[in-house]
Amino acid sequence: MAMAASSSVSLLKSSFTGDRFLRCSRHQSLPQLFRYRQGMNHFSMQLPRSLSGLTNLLFNRRNIDDNTNRKRLRPGIVSPRRKVPKDITKPPYVKSMVPPGIASGPEVHDEKGIECMRASGKLAAQVLQYAGTLVKPGITTDEIDEAVHQMIIDNGAYPSPLGYGGFPKSVCTSVNECICHGIPDSRSLEDGDIINIDVTVYLNGYHGDTSTTFFCGDVNDEVKKLVQVTKESLDKAISICAPGVEFKKIGRTIHDHADKYGYGVVQQFVGHGVGRVFHADPVILHFRNNEDGRMMLNQTFTIGNFFSIQYRLL
């Protein structure tokens, strides 16, 4: 969804950040967290032990509170890759199984580029809104992917995640303790789940990128609060964006808001420039940092913050 910040910096909300080869800073390589195995009908999710412990604790604690005996998230069966009409323009990486990583140089646009970015962002927002209406107990994430895929190609666009570094689906559906980049599969959503749906479309040579988290049925208050505060931090970060503002102010703004509620900021994933390429400079860190760089007029980038609840173990 394209959002106009103060002055003329255009912003796109996103959580498709930090894939297996993207950087979380200029000096660190990002650990491989998600791996799709070619020729197999499932994917494996690899989380650092500390991160995995936090997310599992959050949802395991909910099991005790609501007496639902909820099982931990497990991958289901991934259906075959969906087809895209030949007349739809595809991004260059589709023919390669290797993700291109973050392209050098910021995405700064001329008047035509801004117009194209608004169009792709608007379509992505419409698709995301439609996808959210499908969220209910019993629907599978694969069914959501099918609906998203069809709406995108019906509008003459290409679903950007499809074929990116071998990613097999047209949208990312991240349920409960899956932080991001979840692959749609045969698992049905359950009452009390939360799901982040991350939509990116490639229209007229430009990527429009947006995501949000939806509630499935009756979600408990603790999880609702986590989602609410995460959204508030995103809004605060967007509000400070303007030409000349330091990028590190985004991380400080988000981290300060998280601290007020005792939440942690997941540091393994990043925001990024977006436009003619899927992932470009600058790298946007969502936690306190001392990285250099300032925002420029007509620049487009994503902010995708991720929070976790931190419990004190006695």
C-alpha atoms as a PDB file:
ATOM      1  CA  MET A   1       0.000   0.000   0.000  1.00  0.00           C
ATOM      2  CA  ALA A   2       1.587   3.281  -1.037  1.00  0.00           C
ATOM      3  CA  MET A   3       1.526   5.772   1.801  1.00  0.00           C
ATOM      4  CA  ALA A   4       2.508   9.413   1.403  1.00  0.00           C
ATOM      5  CA  ALA A   5       4.639  10.563   4.312  1.00  0.00           C
ATOM      6  CA  SER A   6       5.291  14.173   5.186  1.00  0.00           C
ATOM      7  CA  SER A   7       6.892  15.977   2.245  1.00  0.00           C
ATOM      8  CA  SER A   8       7.133  13.592  -0.697  1.00  0.00           C
ATOM      9  CA  VAL A   9       8.732  10.349   0.511  1.00  0.00           C
ATOM     10  CA  SER A  10       6.565   7.418  -0.625  1.00  0.00           C
ATOM     11  CA  LEU A  11       6.403   4.393   1.692  1.00  0.00           C
ATOM     12  CA  LEU A  12       5.226   0.829   1.222  1.00  0.00           C
ATOM     13  CA  LYS A  13       4.273  -1.396   4.162  1.00  0.00           C
ATOM     14  CA  SER A  14       5.840  -4.822   3.972  1.00  0.00           C
ATOM     15  CA  SER A  15       7.096  -7.828   5.825  1.00  0.00           C
ATOM     16  CA  PHE A  16       8.716  -9.643   2.907  1.00  0.00           C
ATOM     17  CA  THR A  17      12.081  -8.710   4.287  1.00  0.00           C
ATOM     18  CA  GLY A  18      15.263 -10.564   5.013  1.00  0.00           C
ATOM     19  CA  ASP A  19      15.164 -13.656   2.808  1.00  0.00           C
ATOM     20  CA  ARG A  20      17.913 -16.214   3.121  1.00  0.00           C
ATOM     21  CA  PHE A  21      20.577 -14.119   1.422  1.00  0.00           C
ATOM     22  CA  LEU A  22      19.585 -10.575   2.391  1.00  0.00           C
ATOM     23  CA  ARG A  23      21.595  -8.548   4.880  1.00  0.00           C
ATOM     24  CA  CYS A  24      20.389  -7.374   8.284  1.00  0.00           C
ATOM     25  CA  SER A  25      23.117  -4.726   8.255  1.00  0.00           C
ATOM     26  CA  ARG A  26      25.911  -3.687   5.963  1.00  0.00           C
ATOM     27  CA  HIS A  27      28.375  -5.745   7.973  1.00  0.00           C
ATOM     28  CA  GLN A  28      26.426  -8.895   8.828  1.00  0.00           C
ATOM     29  CA  SER A  29      25.093 -11.734   6.737  1.00  0.00           C
ATOM     30  CA  LEU A  30      21.538 -12.829   7.473  1.00  0.00           C
ATOM     31  CA  PRO A  31      21.211 -16.409   8.758  1.00  0.00           C
ATOM     32  CA  GLN A  32      19.233 -18.816   6.606  1.00  0.00           C
ATOM     33  CA  LEU A  33      15.896 -19.074   8.355  1.00  0.00           C
ATOM     34  CA  PHE A  34      13.615 -20.528   5.698  1.00  0.00           C
ATOM     35  CA  ARG A  35      14.517 -23.261   3.267  1.00  0.00           C
ATOM     36  CA  TYR A  36      12.356 -24.709   0.528  1.00  0.00           C
ATOM     37  CA  ARG A  37      13.544 -28.117  -0.574  1.00  0.00           C
ATOM     38  CA  GLN A  38      13.268 -28.695  -4.307  1.00  0.00           C
ATOM     39  CA  GLY A  39      11.358 -31.819  -5.297  1.00  0.00           C
ATOM     40  CA  MET A  40       9.692 -32.199  -1.904  1.00  0.00           C
ATOM     41  CA  ASN A  41       6.177 -31.265  -0.852  1.00  0.00           C
ATOM     42  CA  HIS A  42       7.126 -29.343   2.256  1.00  0.00           C
ATOM     43  CA  PHE A  43       9.455 -26.704   3.594  1.00  0.00           C
ATOM     44  CA  SER A  44      11.519 -26.504   6.743  1.00  0.00           C
ATOM     45  CA  MET A  45      11.583 -23.474   9.024  1.00  0.00           C
ATOM     46  CA  GLN A  46      14.805 -22.853  10.879  1.00  0.00           C
ATOM     47  CA  LEU A  47      14.772 -20.383  13.762  1.00  0.00           C
ATOM     48  CA  PRO A  48      17.544 -19.391  16.135  1.00  0.00           C
ATOM     49  CA  ARG A  49      17.009 -21.134  19.466  1.00  0.00           C
ATOM     50  CA  SER A  50      16.384 -17.890  21.365  1.00  0.00           C
ATOM     51  CA  LEU A  51      13.863 -16.638  18.803  1.00  0.00           C
ATOM     52  CA  SER A  52      12.096 -19.973  18.522  1.00  0.00           C
ATOM     53  CA  GLY A  53      11.811 -20.169  22.287  1.00  0.00           C
ATOM     54  CA  LEU A  54      10.072 -16.798  22.535  1.00  0.00           C
ATOM     55  CA  THR A  55       7.473 -17.538  19.895  1.00  0.00           C
ATOM     56  CA  ASN A  56       6.762 -21.041  21.133  1.00  0.00           C
ATOM     57  CA  LEU A  57       6.436 -19.735  24.684  1.00  0.00           C
ATOM     58  CA  LEU A  58       3.905 -17.160  23.531  1.00  0.00           C
ATOM     59  CA  PHE A  59       1.647 -19.682  21.862  1.00  0.00           C
ATOM     60  CA  ASN A  60       2.223 -22.488  24.371  1.00  0.00           C
ATOM     61  CA  ARG A  61       1.262 -20.131  27.177  1.00  0.00           C
ATOM     62  CA  ARG A  62      -1.926 -19.362  25.281  1.00  0.00           C
ATOM     63  CA  ASN A  63      -2.701 -23.082  25.273  1.00  0.00           C
ATOM     64  CA  ILE A  64      -2.636 -23.081  29.059  1.00  0.00           C
ATOM     65  CA  ASP A  65      -4.729 -19.928  29.307  1.00  0.00           C
ATOM     66  CA  ASP A  66      -7.530 -20.928  26.933  1.00  0.00           C
ATOM     67  CA  ASN A  67      -7.468 -24.710  27.485  1.00  0.00           C
ATOM     68  CA  THR A  68      -7.625 -25.432  23.736  1.00  0.00           C
ATOM     69  CA  ASN A  69      -4.796 -27.984  23.556  1.00  0.00           C
ATOM     70  CA  ARG A  70      -3.456 -26.204  20.474  1.00  0.00           C
ATOM     71  CA  LYS A  71      -0.653 -27.982  18.631  1.00  0.00           C
ATOM     72  CA  ARG A  72       2.534 -26.290  17.510  1.00  0.00           C
ATOM     73  CA  LEU A  73       2.603 -25.138  13.899  1.00  0.00           C
ATOM     74  CA  ARG A  74       3.640 -27.834  11.438  1.00  0.00           C
ATOM     75  CA  PRO A  75       4.060 -27.496   7.651  1.00  0.00           C
ATOM     76  CA  GLY A  76       1.455 -29.126   5.424  1.00  0.00           C
ATOM     77  CA  ILE A  77       1.544 -30.255   1.811  1.00  0.00           C
ATOM     78  CA  VAL A  78       2.545 -27.639  -0.772  1.00  0.00           C
ATOM     79  CA  SER A  79       0.514 -27.833  -3.985  1.00  0.00           C
ATOM     80  CA  PRO A  80       2.092 -27.498  -7.454  1.00  0.00           C
ATOM     81  CA  ARG A  81       3.234 -24.067  -8.613  1.00  0.00           C
ATOM     82  CA  ARG A  82       0.450 -22.043 -10.201  1.00  0.00           C
ATOM     83  CA  LYS A  83       0.732 -20.867 -13.787  1.00  0.00           C
ATOM     84  CA  VAL A  84       0.963 -17.290 -15.033  1.00  0.00           C
ATOM     85  CA  PRO A  85      -0.241 -16.301 -18.542  1.00  0.00           C
ATOM     86  CA  LYS A  86       2.578 -15.790 -21.040  1.00  0.00           C
ATOM     87  CA  ASP A  87       1.496 -12.238 -21.853  1.00  0.00           C
ATOM     88  CA  ILE A  88       2.090 -11.024 -18.276  1.00  0.00           C
ATOM     89  CA  THR A  89       5.491  -9.372 -17.791  1.00  0.00           C
ATOM     90  CA  LYS A  90       7.659 -11.294 -15.344  1.00  0.00           C
ATOM     91  CA  PRO A  91      10.513  -9.941 -13.178  1.00  0.00           C
ATOM     92  CA  PRO A  92      14.022 -10.981 -14.296  1.00  0.00           C
ATOM     93  CA  TYR A  93      14.677 -13.326 -11.363  1.00  0.00           C
ATOM     94  CA  VAL A  94      11.852 -15.726 -12.282  1.00  0.00           C
ATOM     95  CA  LYS A  95      14.057 -17.758 -14.614  1.00  0.00           C
ATOM     96  CA  SER A  96      16.759 -18.084 -11.964  1.00  0.00           C
ATOM     97  CA  MET A  97      16.519 -20.171  -8.791  1.00  0.00           C
ATOM     98  CA  VAL A  98      19.008 -17.884  -7.029  1.00  0.00           C
ATOM     99  CA  PRO A  99      17.604 -14.779  -5.275  1.00  0.00           C
ATOM    100  CA  PRO A 100      19.380 -11.637  -6.455  1.00  0.00           C
ATOM    101  CA  GLY A 101      19.795 -10.185  -2.970  1.00  0.00           C
ATOM    102  CA  ILE A 102      19.676  -6.463  -2.326  1.00  0.00           C
ATOM    103  CA  ALA A 103      20.481  -4.351  -5.377  1.00  0.00           C
ATOM    104  CA  SER A 104      22.975  -1.539  -4.978  1.00  0.00           C
ATOM    105  CA  GLY A 105      21.570   1.960  -5.009  1.00  0.00           C
ATOM    106  CA  PRO A 106      18.295   3.389  -3.669  1.00  0.00           C
ATOM    107  CA  GLU A 107      14.975   3.325  -5.490  1.00  0.00           C
ATOM    108  CA  VAL A 108      14.473   6.996  -6.370  1.00  0.00           C
ATOM    109  CA  HIS A 109      11.854   7.686  -9.022  1.00  0.00           C
ATOM    110  CA  ASP A 110      10.955  10.281 -11.597  1.00  0.00           C
ATOM    111  CA  GLU A 111       7.351  11.378 -12.109  1.00  0.00           C
ATOM    112  CA  LYS A 112       6.496   8.347 -14.236  1.00  0.00           C
ATOM    113  CA  GLY A 113       8.117   6.019 -11.712  1.00  0.00           C
ATOM    114  CA  ILE A 114       6.073   7.459  -8.861  1.00  0.00           C
ATOM    115  CA  GLU A 115       2.922   6.977 -10.935  1.00  0.00           C
ATOM    116  CA  CYS A 116       3.837   3.338 -11.564  1.00  0.00           C
ATOM    117  CA  MET A 117       4.640   2.797  -7.888  1.00  0.00           C
ATOM    118  CA  ARG A 118       1.270   4.191  -6.864  1.00  0.00           C
ATOM    119  CA  ALA A 119      -0.466   1.837  -9.307  1.00  0.00           C
ATOM    120  CA  SER A 120       1.379  -1.268  -8.125  1.00  0.00           C
ATOM    121  CA  GLY A 121       0.953  -0.275  -4.477  1.00  0.00           C
ATOM    122  CA  LYS A 122      -2.765   0.312  -4.961  1.00  0.00           C
ATOM    123  CA  LEU A 123      -3.252  -3.093  -6.568  1.00  0.00           C
ATOM    124  CA  ALA A 124      -1.261  -4.794  -3.805  1.00  0.00           C
ATOM    125  CA  ALA A 125      -3.439  -3.066  -1.187  1.00  0.00           C
ATOM    126  CA  GLN A 126      -6.639  -4.177  -2.933  1.00  0.00           C
ATOM    127  CA  VAL A 127      -5.405  -7.758  -3.134  1.00  0.00           C
ATOM    128  CA  LEU A 128      -4.404  -7.719   0.541  1.00  0.00           C
ATOM    129  CA  GLN A 129      -7.795  -6.367   1.573  1.00  0.00           C
ATOM    130  CA  TYR A 130      -9.524  -9.120  -0.394  1.00  0.00           C
ATOM    131  CA  ALA A 131      -7.248 -11.794   1.090  1.00  0.00           C
ATOM    132  CA  GLY A 132      -8.167 -10.610   4.567  1.00  0.00           C
ATOM    133  CA  THR A 133     -11.850 -11.235   3.903  1.00  0.00           C
ATOM    134  CA  LEU A 134     -11.035 -14.902   3.316  1.00  0.00           C
ATOM    135  CA  VAL A 135      -9.493 -15.446   6.751  1.00  0.00           C
ATOM    136  CA  LYS A 136     -11.736 -17.730   8.804  1.00  0.00           C
ATOM    137  CA  PRO A 137     -11.444 -21.046  10.610  1.00  0.00           C
ATOM    138  CA  GLY A 138     -11.275 -23.951   8.165  1.00  0.00           C
ATOM    139  CA  ILE A 139      -9.755 -22.204   5.141  1.00  0.00           C
ATOM    140  CA  THR A 140      -6.297 -23.379   4.107  1.00  0.00           C
ATOM    141  CA  THR A 141      -3.452 -21.015   3.376  1.00  0.00           C
ATOM    142  CA  ASP A 142      -3.189 -22.694  -0.031  1.00  0.00           C
ATOM    143  CA  GLU A 143      -6.756 -21.584  -0.793  1.00  0.00           C
ATOM    144  CA  ILE A 144      -5.769 -18.035   0.155  1.00  0.00           C
ATOM    145  CA  ASP A 145      -2.779 -18.306  -2.184  1.00  0.00           C
ATOM    146  CA  GLU A 146      -5.015 -19.513  -5.015  1.00  0.00           C
ATOM    147  CA  ALA A 147      -7.379 -16.552  -4.591  1.00  0.00           C
ATOM    148  CA  VAL A 148      -4.514 -14.050  -4.369  1.00  0.00           C
ATOM    149  CA  HIS A 149      -2.801 -15.529  -7.411  1.00  0.00           C
ATOM    150  CA  GLN A 150      -5.956 -15.319  -9.505  1.00  0.00           C
ATOM    151  CA  MET A 151      -6.749 -11.725  -8.534  1.00  0.00           C
ATOM    152  CA  ILE A 152      -3.202 -10.592  -9.329  1.00  0.00           C
ATOM    153  CA  ILE A 153      -3.052 -12.155 -12.797  1.00  0.00           C
ATOM    154  CA  ASP A 154      -6.621 -11.014 -13.548  1.00  0.00           C
ATOM    155  CA  ASN A 155      -5.269  -7.479 -13.127  1.00  0.00           C
ATOM    156  CA  GLY A 156      -2.390  -8.076 -15.528  1.00  0.00           C
ATOM    157  CA  ALA A 157       0.281  -8.278 -12.820  1.00  0.00           C
ATOM    158  CA  TYR A 158       2.737 -10.920 -11.676  1.00  0.00           C
ATOM    159  CA  PRO A 159       2.839 -12.217  -8.062  1.00  0.00           C
ATOM    160  CA  SER A 160       6.357 -11.158  -7.073  1.00  0.00           C
ATOM    161  CA  PRO A 161       7.164 -13.959  -4.568  1.00  0.00           C
ATOM    162  CA  LEU A 162       6.463 -16.698  -7.142  1.00  0.00           C
ATOM    163  CA  GLY A 163       9.832 -18.034  -8.275  1.00  0.00           C
ATOM    164  CA  TYR A 164      11.895 -15.654  -6.149  1.00  0.00           C
ATOM    165  CA  GLY A 165      14.859 -17.822  -5.189  1.00  0.00           C
ATOM    166  CA  GLY A 166      12.688 -20.894  -5.713  1.00  0.00           C
ATOM    167  CA  PHE A 167       9.791 -19.675  -3.552  1.00  0.00           C
ATOM    168  CA  PRO A 168       6.876 -21.858  -4.767  1.00  0.00           C
ATOM    169  CA  LYS A 169       3.842 -19.671  -4.042  1.00  0.00           C
ATOM    170  CA  SER A 170       2.321 -16.298  -4.929  1.00  0.00           C
ATOM    171  CA  VAL A 171       1.901 -14.908  -1.420  1.00  0.00           C
ATOM    172  CA  CYS A 172       3.466 -15.338   2.011  1.00  0.00           C
ATOM    173  CA  THR A 173       1.117 -16.593   4.731  1.00  0.00           C
ATOM    174  CA  SER A 174       2.756 -16.625   8.160  1.00  0.00           C
ATOM    175  CA  VAL A 175       0.672 -18.206  10.910  1.00  0.00           C
ATOM    176  CA  ASN A 176       1.214 -17.804  14.650  1.00  0.00           C
ATOM    177  CA  GLU A 177       4.860 -18.478  15.551  1.00  0.00           C
ATOM    178  CA  CYS A 178       6.010 -18.341  11.920  1.00  0.00           C
ATOM    179  CA  ILE A 179       7.468 -14.833  11.873  1.00  0.00           C
ATOM    180  CA  CYS A 180       7.411 -14.233   8.111  1.00  0.00           C
ATOM    181  CA  HIS A 181       7.848 -15.838   4.662  1.00  0.00           C
ATOM    182  CA  GLY A 182       5.436 -18.667   5.461  1.00  0.00           C
ATOM    183  CA  ILE A 183       4.683 -20.872   2.449  1.00  0.00           C
ATOM    184  CA  PRO A 184       0.956 -21.508   1.809  1.00  0.00           C
ATOM    185  CA  ASP A 185       0.064 -25.176   2.217  1.00  0.00           C
ATOM    186  CA  SER A 186      -2.709 -27.596   3.152  1.00  0.00           C
ATOM    187  CA  ARG A 187      -2.963 -26.553   6.811  1.00  0.00           C
ATOM    188  CA  SER A 188      -6.366 -25.164   7.735  1.00  0.00           C
ATOM    189  CA  LEU A 189      -6.577 -22.032   9.844  1.00  0.00           C
ATOM    190  CA  GLU A 190      -7.936 -22.615  13.332  1.00  0.00           C
ATOM    191  CA  ASP A 191     -10.013 -20.468  15.633  1.00  0.00           C
ATOM    192  CA  GLY A 192      -7.623 -18.221  17.569  1.00  0.00           C
ATOM    193  CA  ASP A 193      -4.858 -18.157  14.944  1.00  0.00           C
ATOM    194  CA  ILE A 194      -3.242 -14.983  13.687  1.00  0.00           C
ATOM    195  CA  ILE A 195      -1.950 -14.807  10.129  1.00  0.00           C
ATOM    196  CA  ASN A 196       0.249 -12.263   8.402  1.00  0.00           C
ATOM    197  CA  ILE A 197      -0.516 -12.063   4.688  1.00  0.00           C
ATOM    198  CA  ASP A 198       2.251 -10.482   2.628  1.00  0.00           C
ATOM    199  CA  VAL A 199       1.296  -9.423  -0.901  1.00  0.00           C
ATOM    200  CA  THR A 200       3.701  -8.118  -3.530  1.00  0.00           C
ATOM    201  CA  VAL A 201       2.714  -7.512  -7.154  1.00  0.00           C
ATOM    202  CA  TYR A 202       4.856  -6.706 -10.188  1.00  0.00           C
ATOM    203  CA  LEU A 203       2.892  -4.314 -12.402  1.00  0.00           C
ATOM    204  CA  ASN A 204       4.293  -2.394 -15.359  1.00  0.00           C
ATOM    205  CA  GLY A 205       7.824  -3.112 -14.222  1.00  0.00           C
ATOM    206  CA  TYR A 206       7.409  -1.997 -10.576  1.00  0.00           C
ATOM    207  CA  HIS A 207       6.856  -3.972  -7.357  1.00  0.00           C
ATOM    208  CA  GLY A 208       4.118  -2.915  -4.947  1.00  0.00           C
ATOM    209  CA  ASP A 209       4.644  -4.509  -1.518  1.00  0.00           C
ATOM    210  CA  THR A 210       2.309  -4.592   1.501  1.00  0.00           C
ATOM    211  CA  SER A 211       1.248  -6.828   4.377  1.00  0.00           C
ATOM    212  CA  THR A 212      -0.791  -6.936   7.548  1.00  0.00           C
ATOM    213  CA  THR A 213      -1.805  -9.378  10.259  1.00  0.00           C
ATOM    214  CA  PHE A 214      -5.365 -10.709  10.494  1.00  0.00           C
ATOM    215  CA  PHE A 215      -7.225 -12.409  13.338  1.00  0.00           C
ATOM    216  CA  CYS A 216      -8.865 -15.767  12.671  1.00  0.00           C
ATOM    217  CA  GLY A 217     -11.951 -16.196  14.819  1.00  0.00           C
ATOM    218  CA  ASP A 218     -11.648 -15.534  18.543  1.00  0.00           C
ATOM    219  CA  VAL A 219      -8.064 -14.440  19.309  1.00  0.00           C
ATOM    220  CA  ASN A 220      -7.067 -13.971  22.935  1.00  0.00           C
ATOM    221  CA  ASP A 221      -6.372 -10.535  24.375  1.00  0.00           C
ATOM    222  CA  GLU A 222      -2.635 -11.022  24.867  1.00  0.00           C
ATOM    223  CA  VAL A 223      -2.060 -11.775  21.191  1.00  0.00           C
ATOM    224  CA  LYS A 224      -4.384  -8.955  20.130  1.00  0.00           C
ATOM    225  CA  LYS A 225      -2.326  -6.533  22.209  1.00  0.00           C
ATOM    226  CA  LEU A 226       0.912  -7.702  20.577  1.00  0.00           C
ATOM    227  CA  VAL A 227      -0.530  -7.121  17.090  1.00  0.00           C
ATOM    228  CA  GLN A 228      -1.977  -3.742  18.097  1.00  0.00           C
ATOM    229  CA  VAL A 229       1.295  -2.427  19.521  1.00  0.00           C
ATOM    230  CA  THR A 230       3.225  -3.674  16.490  1.00  0.00           C
ATOM    231  CA  LYS A 231       0.840  -1.751  14.216  1.00  0.00           C
ATOM    232  CA  GLU A 232       1.188   1.356  16.385  1.00  0.00           C
ATOM    233  CA  SER A 233       4.966   1.212  16.080  1.00  0.00           C
ATOM    234  CA  LEU A 234       4.690   0.964  12.299  1.00  0.00           C
ATOM    235  CA  ASP A 235       2.428   4.014  12.163  1.00  0.00           C
ATOM    236  CA  LYS A 236       4.843   5.972  14.355  1.00  0.00           C
ATOM    237  CA  ALA A 237       7.775   5.005  12.131  1.00  0.00           C
ATOM    238  CA  ILE A 238       5.908   6.090   8.987  1.00  0.00           C
ATOM    239  CA  SER A 239       4.974   9.425  10.575  1.00  0.00           C
ATOM    240  CA  ILE A 240       8.609  10.496  11.028  1.00  0.00           C
ATOM    241  CA  CYS A 241       9.642   9.794   7.425  1.00  0.00           C
ATOM    242  CA  ALA A 242      10.615  12.789   5.276  1.00  0.00           C
ATOM    243  CA  PRO A 243      13.502  13.827   3.011  1.00  0.00           C
ATOM    244  CA  GLY A 244      16.686  14.238   5.052  1.00  0.00           C
ATOM    245  CA  VAL A 245      15.592  12.135   8.017  1.00  0.00           C
ATOM    246  CA  GLU A 246      18.149   9.522   9.138  1.00  0.00           C
ATOM    247  CA  PHE A 247      17.088   5.928   8.537  1.00  0.00           C
ATOM    248  CA  LYS A 248      18.223   4.941  12.009  1.00  0.00           C
ATOM    249  CA  LYS A 249      15.412   7.070  13.430  1.00  0.00           C
ATOM    250  CA  ILE A 250      12.989   4.386  12.169  1.00  0.00           C
ATOM    251  CA  GLY A 251      14.630   1.723  14.314  1.00  0.00           C
ATOM    252  CA  ARG A 252      14.784   3.989  17.350  1.00  0.00           C
ATOM    253  CA  THR A 253      11.095   4.921  17.010  1.00  0.00           C
ATOM    254  CA  ILE A 254       9.978   1.294  16.733  1.00  0.00           C
ATOM    255  CA  HIS A 255      12.251   0.048  19.522  1.00  0.00           C
ATOM    256  CA  ASP A 256      11.195   2.823  21.907  1.00  0.00           C
ATOM    257  CA  HIS A 257       7.531   1.929  21.431  1.00  0.00           C
ATOM    258  CA  ALA A 258       8.231  -1.782  21.957  1.00  0.00           C
ATOM    259  CA  ASP A 259      10.070  -1.045  25.188  1.00  0.00           C
ATOM    260  CA  LYS A 260       7.024   0.711  26.639  1.00  0.00           C
ATOM    261  CA  TYR A 261       5.158  -2.605  26.587  1.00  0.00           C
ATOM    262  CA  GLY A 262       8.032  -4.944  27.379  1.00  0.00           C
ATOM    263  CA  TYR A 263       8.141  -6.375  23.869  1.00  0.00           C
ATOM    264  CA  GLY A 264      11.250  -7.410  21.986  1.00  0.00           C
ATOM    265  CA  VAL A 265      12.038  -6.471  18.382  1.00  0.00           C
ATOM    266  CA  VAL A 266      13.010  -9.369  16.123  1.00  0.00           C
ATOM    267  CA  GLN A 267      16.312  -8.360  14.536  1.00  0.00           C
ATOM    268  CA  GLN A 268      16.728 -11.115  11.947  1.00  0.00           C
ATOM    269  CA  PHE A 269      14.531  -9.407   9.333  1.00  0.00           C
ATOM    270  CA  VAL A 270      14.831  -6.033   7.640  1.00  0.00           C
ATOM    271  CA  GLY A 271      13.030  -3.513   5.478  1.00  0.00           C
ATOM    272  CA  HIS A 272      14.395  -2.560   2.079  1.00  0.00           C
ATOM    273  CA  GLY A 273      14.120  -0.319  -0.921  1.00  0.00           C
ATOM    274  CA  VAL A 274      11.470  -1.436  -3.403  1.00  0.00           C
ATOM    275  CA  GLY A 275      10.447  -0.373  -6.882  1.00  0.00           C
ATOM    276  CA  ARG A 276      11.883  -1.552 -10.165  1.00  0.00           C
ATOM    277  CA  VAL A 277      13.614  -4.291  -8.198  1.00  0.00           C
ATOM    278  CA  PHE A 278      12.094  -6.359  -5.404  1.00  0.00           C
ATOM    279  CA  HIS A 279      14.830  -5.653  -2.841  1.00  0.00           C
ATOM    280  CA  ALA A 280      17.174  -2.677  -3.053  1.00  0.00           C
ATOM    281  CA  ASP A 281      19.119  -0.316  -0.832  1.00  0.00           C
ATOM    282  CA  PRO A 282      18.612   1.024   1.755  1.00  0.00           C
ATOM    283  CA  VAL A 283      18.478  -1.724   4.361  1.00  0.00           C
ATOM    284  CA  ILE A 284      15.926  -0.626   6.990  1.00  0.00           C
ATOM    285  CA  LEU A 285      16.676  -1.841  10.513  1.00  0.00           C
ATOM    286  CA  HIS A 286      13.748  -1.937  12.935  1.00  0.00           C
ATOM    287  CA  PHE A 287      15.812  -1.756  16.116  1.00  0.00           C
ATOM    288  CA  ARG A 288      18.207   0.822  17.572  1.00  0.00           C
ATOM    289  CA  ASN A 289      21.290   1.107  15.385  1.00  0.00           C
ATOM    290  CA  ASN A 290      23.981   3.481  14.198  1.00  0.00           C
ATOM    291  CA  GLU A 291      23.740   2.822  10.459  1.00  0.00           C
ATOM    292  CA  ASP A 292      24.385   5.790   8.152  1.00  0.00           C
ATOM    293  CA  GLY A 293      22.040   7.174   5.520  1.00  0.00           C
ATOM    294  CA  ARG A 294      19.205   9.644   5.077  1.00  0.00           C
ATOM    295  CA  MET A 295      15.897   9.531   3.218  1.00  0.00           C
ATOM    296  CA  MET A 296      15.671  11.152  -0.190  1.00  0.00           C
ATOM    297  CA  LEU A 297      12.852  12.805  -2.087  1.00  0.00           C
ATOM    298  CA  ASN A 298      10.837  10.336  -4.238  1.00  0.00           C
ATOM    299  CA  GLN A 299      12.489   7.333  -2.613  1.00  0.00           C
ATOM    300  CA  THR A 300      10.476   4.177  -1.891  1.00  0.00           C
ATOM    301  CA  PHE A 301      11.218   1.591   0.772  1.00  0.00           C
ATOM    302  CA  THR A 302       9.449  -0.816   3.116  1.00  0.00           C
ATOM    303  CA  ILE A 303       9.120  -0.882   6.874  1.00  0.00           C
ATOM    304  CA  GLY A 304       8.313  -4.335   8.267  1.00  0.00           C
ATOM    305  CA  ASN A 305       8.692  -4.564  12.033  1.00  0.00           C
ATOM    306  CA  PHE A 306       8.284  -7.786  14.031  1.00  0.00           C
ATOM    307  CA  PHE A 307       7.652  -7.938  17.770  1.00  0.00           C
ATOM    308  CA  SER A 308       7.896 -10.781  20.273  1.00  0.00           C
ATOM    309  CA  ILE A 309       6.667 -11.085  23.835  1.00  0.00           C
ATOM    310  CA  GLN A 310       9.467 -11.514  26.323  1.00  0.00           C
ATOM    311  CA  TYR A 311       8.601 -13.601  29.367  1.00  0.00           C
ATOM    312  CA  ARG A 312      10.826 -13.849  32.431  1.00  0.00           C
ATOM    313  CA  LEU A 313      11.494 -17.507  33.153  1.00  0.00           C
ATOM    314  CA  LEU A 314      11.492 -18.239  36.900  1.00  0.00           C
END
